[in-house]
Amino acid sequence: MRRILVTGGAGYIGSHTILELLLAGHEVLAVDNLSNGHAEAIHSVKRLSNCQLKLEVGDVRDRQFLDRVFSDFAPDAVIHFAGLKAVEGRAEGCRGECRKSDGLL
């Protein structure tokens, strides 16, 4: 069993991935800022898997938030699905956001 942190865990792809990880016996922590994801997806995964699952609401661009999550959960692996969907006309802002996500790596 591995401890796996999934960013964007309350989104469509993240929640489906978490379900499979839980069913495979892994311990999972979901991280999502809920700008595109939904807490209900986490509740559905808990119900379908009959497993414990915690959602940490926060932004992967927030270094202090990530430091706390990594310190508290100490994951063996990270699966990164967090991202902004609608970025049309925001190319310059997007470049800055991508640099902020470097902290996750």
C-alpha atoms as a PDB file:
ATOM      1  CA  MET A   1       0.000   0.000   0.000  1.00  0.00           C
ATOM      2  CA  ARG A   2       1.272   3.439  -0.956  1.00  0.00           C
ATOM      3  CA  ARG A   3       0.245   6.882   0.218  1.00  0.00           C
ATOM      4  CA  ILE A   4      -0.773   8.832  -2.880  1.00  0.00           C
ATOM      5  CA  LEU A   5      -1.680  12.509  -3.114  1.00  0.00           C
ATOM      6  CA  VAL A   6      -3.961  13.385  -6.033  1.00  0.00           C
ATOM      7  CA  THR A   7      -4.245  17.043  -7.029  1.00  0.00           C
ATOM      8  CA  GLY A   8      -7.453  17.938  -8.824  1.00  0.00           C
ATOM      9  CA  GLY A   9      -8.985  15.034  -6.925  1.00  0.00           C
ATOM     10  CA  ALA A  10     -12.523  16.431  -6.956  1.00  0.00           C
ATOM     11  CA  GLY A  11     -12.575  16.683 -10.745  1.00  0.00           C
ATOM     12  CA  TYR A  12     -13.793  14.050 -13.190  1.00  0.00           C
ATOM     13  CA  ILE A  13     -10.443  12.432 -14.003  1.00  0.00           C
ATOM     14  CA  GLY A  14      -9.049  12.853 -10.497  1.00  0.00           C
ATOM     15  CA  SER A  15     -12.057  11.309  -8.772  1.00  0.00           C
ATOM     16  CA  HIS A  16     -12.114   8.306 -11.129  1.00  0.00           C
ATOM     17  CA  THR A  17      -8.393   7.777 -10.574  1.00  0.00           C
ATOM     18  CA  ILE A  18      -8.859   8.001  -6.799  1.00  0.00           C
ATOM     19  CA  LEU A  19     -11.607   5.377  -6.923  1.00  0.00           C
ATOM     20  CA  GLU A  20      -9.288   2.934  -8.703  1.00  0.00           C
ATOM     21  CA  LEU A  21      -6.414   3.690  -6.306  1.00  0.00           C
ATOM     22  CA  LEU A  22      -8.611   3.074  -3.270  1.00  0.00           C
ATOM     23  CA  LEU A  23      -9.966  -0.156  -4.729  1.00  0.00           C
ATOM     24  CA  ALA A  24      -6.356  -1.247  -5.288  1.00  0.00           C
ATOM     25  CA  GLY A  25      -5.687  -0.742  -1.570  1.00  0.00           C
ATOM     26  CA  HIS A  26      -3.801   2.551  -1.568  1.00  0.00           C
ATOM     27  CA  GLU A  27      -4.237   5.353   0.948  1.00  0.00           C
ATOM     28  CA  VAL A  28      -5.207   8.510  -0.940  1.00  0.00           C
ATOM     29  CA  LEU A  29      -5.461  12.204  -0.121  1.00  0.00           C
ATOM     30  CA  ALA A  30      -7.396  14.402  -2.548  1.00  0.00           C
ATOM     31  CA  VAL A  31      -6.365  18.039  -2.993  1.00  0.00           C
ATOM     32  CA  ASP A  32      -8.587  20.453  -4.889  1.00  0.00           C
ATOM     33  CA  ASN A  33      -9.473  24.159  -4.747  1.00  0.00           C
ATOM     34  CA  LEU A  34     -12.982  23.299  -6.013  1.00  0.00           C
ATOM     35  CA  SER A  35     -12.847  25.924  -8.756  1.00  0.00           C
ATOM     36  CA  ASN A  36     -13.662  23.199 -11.296  1.00  0.00           C
ATOM     37  CA  GLY A  37     -14.067  20.123  -9.084  1.00  0.00           C
ATOM     38  CA  HIS A  38     -16.920  19.281  -6.740  1.00  0.00           C
ATOM     39  CA  ALA A  39     -16.896  17.971  -3.178  1.00  0.00           C
ATOM     40  CA  GLU A  40     -19.780  15.688  -4.178  1.00  0.00           C
ATOM     41  CA  ALA A  41     -17.323  13.727  -6.347  1.00  0.00           C
ATOM     42  CA  ILE A  42     -15.348  12.894  -3.198  1.00  0.00           C
ATOM     43  CA  HIS A  43     -18.520  11.778  -1.392  1.00  0.00           C
ATOM     44  CA  SER A  44     -19.386   9.538  -4.366  1.00  0.00           C
ATOM     45  CA  VAL A  45     -15.927   7.956  -4.341  1.00  0.00           C
ATOM     46  CA  LYS A  46     -16.223   7.244  -0.608  1.00  0.00           C
ATOM     47  CA  ARG A  47     -19.611   5.649  -1.137  1.00  0.00           C
ATOM     48  CA  LEU A  48     -18.505   3.530  -4.116  1.00  0.00           C
ATOM     49  CA  SER A  49     -15.229   2.392  -2.568  1.00  0.00           C
ATOM     50  CA  ASN A  50     -16.387   2.053   1.034  1.00  0.00           C
ATOM     51  CA  CYS A  51     -12.978   3.541   1.945  1.00  0.00           C
ATOM     52  CA  GLN A  52     -11.800   6.506   3.955  1.00  0.00           C
ATOM     53  CA  LEU A  53     -10.881   9.540   1.841  1.00  0.00           C
ATOM     54  CA  LYS A  54     -10.010  13.042   2.943  1.00  0.00           C
ATOM     55  CA  LEU A  55     -10.282  16.165   0.798  1.00  0.00           C
ATOM     56  CA  GLU A  56      -7.898  19.036   1.514  1.00  0.00           C
ATOM     57  CA  VAL A  57      -9.386  22.184  -0.019  1.00  0.00           C
ATOM     58  CA  GLY A  58      -6.639  24.481  -1.219  1.00  0.00           C
ATOM     59  CA  ASP A  59      -4.678  25.645  -4.223  1.00  0.00           C
ATOM     60  CA  VAL A  60      -1.531  23.898  -5.487  1.00  0.00           C
ATOM     61  CA  ARG A  61      -0.137  27.341  -6.291  1.00  0.00           C
ATOM     62  CA  ASP A  62      -0.088  28.127  -2.548  1.00  0.00           C
ATOM     63  CA  ARG A  63       3.346  27.043  -1.291  1.00  0.00           C
ATOM     64  CA  GLN A  64       2.414  27.194   2.408  1.00  0.00           C
ATOM     65  CA  PHE A  65      -0.657  25.041   1.801  1.00  0.00           C
ATOM     66  CA  LEU A  66       1.411  22.464  -0.099  1.00  0.00           C
ATOM     67  CA  ASP A  67       4.136  22.427   2.543  1.00  0.00           C
ATOM     68  CA  ARG A  68       1.530  21.661   5.208  1.00  0.00           C
ATOM     69  CA  VAL A  69      -0.150  18.948   3.091  1.00  0.00           C
ATOM     70  CA  PHE A  70       3.174  17.250   2.315  1.00  0.00           C
ATOM     71  CA  SER A  71       4.273  17.474   5.938  1.00  0.00           C
ATOM     72  CA  ASP A  72       0.993  16.096   7.315  1.00  0.00           C
ATOM     73  CA  PHE A  73       0.364  13.356   4.729  1.00  0.00           C
ATOM     74  CA  ALA A  74       3.931  12.460   3.628  1.00  0.00           C
ATOM     75  CA  PRO A  75       2.935  10.908   0.279  1.00  0.00           C
ATOM     76  CA  ASP A  76       4.956   8.234  -1.496  1.00  0.00           C
ATOM     77  CA  ALA A  77       3.707   9.541  -4.841  1.00  0.00           C
ATOM     78  CA  VAL A  78       1.796  12.449  -6.377  1.00  0.00           C
ATOM     79  CA  ILE A  79      -0.585  12.343  -9.324  1.00  0.00           C
ATOM     80  CA  HIS A  80      -1.111  15.887 -10.608  1.00  0.00           C
ATOM     81  CA  PHE A  81      -4.447  16.590 -12.326  1.00  0.00           C
ATOM     82  CA  ALA A  82      -5.026  20.131 -11.010  1.00  0.00           C
ATOM     83  CA  GLY A  83      -5.462  22.705 -13.734  1.00  0.00           C
ATOM     84  CA  LEU A  84      -7.511  25.623 -14.926  1.00  0.00           C
ATOM     85  CA  LYS A  85     -10.003  24.801 -17.670  1.00  0.00           C
ATOM     86  CA  ALA A  86     -10.951  28.133 -19.210  1.00  0.00           C
ATOM     87  CA  VAL A  87      -7.850  30.120 -20.080  1.00  0.00           C
ATOM     88  CA  GLU A  88      -8.839  31.738 -23.386  1.00  0.00           C
ATOM     89  CA  GLY A  89      -7.385  35.232 -23.609  1.00  0.00           C
ATOM     90  CA  ARG A  90      -5.265  34.664 -20.531  1.00  0.00           C
ATOM     91  CA  ALA A  91      -2.017  33.475 -22.092  1.00  0.00           C
ATOM     92  CA  GLU A  92       0.199  35.812 -20.068  1.00  0.00           C
ATOM     93  CA  GLY A  93      -1.576  34.991 -16.811  1.00  0.00           C
ATOM     94  CA  CYS A  94      -1.349  31.324 -17.631  1.00  0.00           C
ATOM     95  CA  ARG A  95       2.437  31.512 -17.928  1.00  0.00           C
ATOM     96  CA  GLY A  96       2.583  32.920 -14.405  1.00  0.00           C
ATOM     97  CA  GLU A  97       0.249  30.248 -13.066  1.00  0.00           C
ATOM     98  CA  CYS A  98       2.387  27.516 -14.628  1.00  0.00           C
ATOM     99  CA  ARG A  99       5.439  28.891 -12.858  1.00  0.00           C
ATOM    100  CA  LYS A 100       3.524  28.821  -9.564  1.00  0.00           C
ATOM    101  CA  SER A 101       2.705  25.127 -10.110  1.00  0.00           C
ATOM    102  CA  ASP A 102       6.434  24.382 -10.259  1.00  0.00           C
ATOM    103  CA  GLY A 103       6.356  24.328  -6.445  1.00  0.00           C
ATOM    104  CA  LEU A 104       4.421  21.073  -6.603  1.00  0.00           C
ATOM    105  CA  LEU A 105       7.259  19.424  -8.499  1.00  0.00           C
END
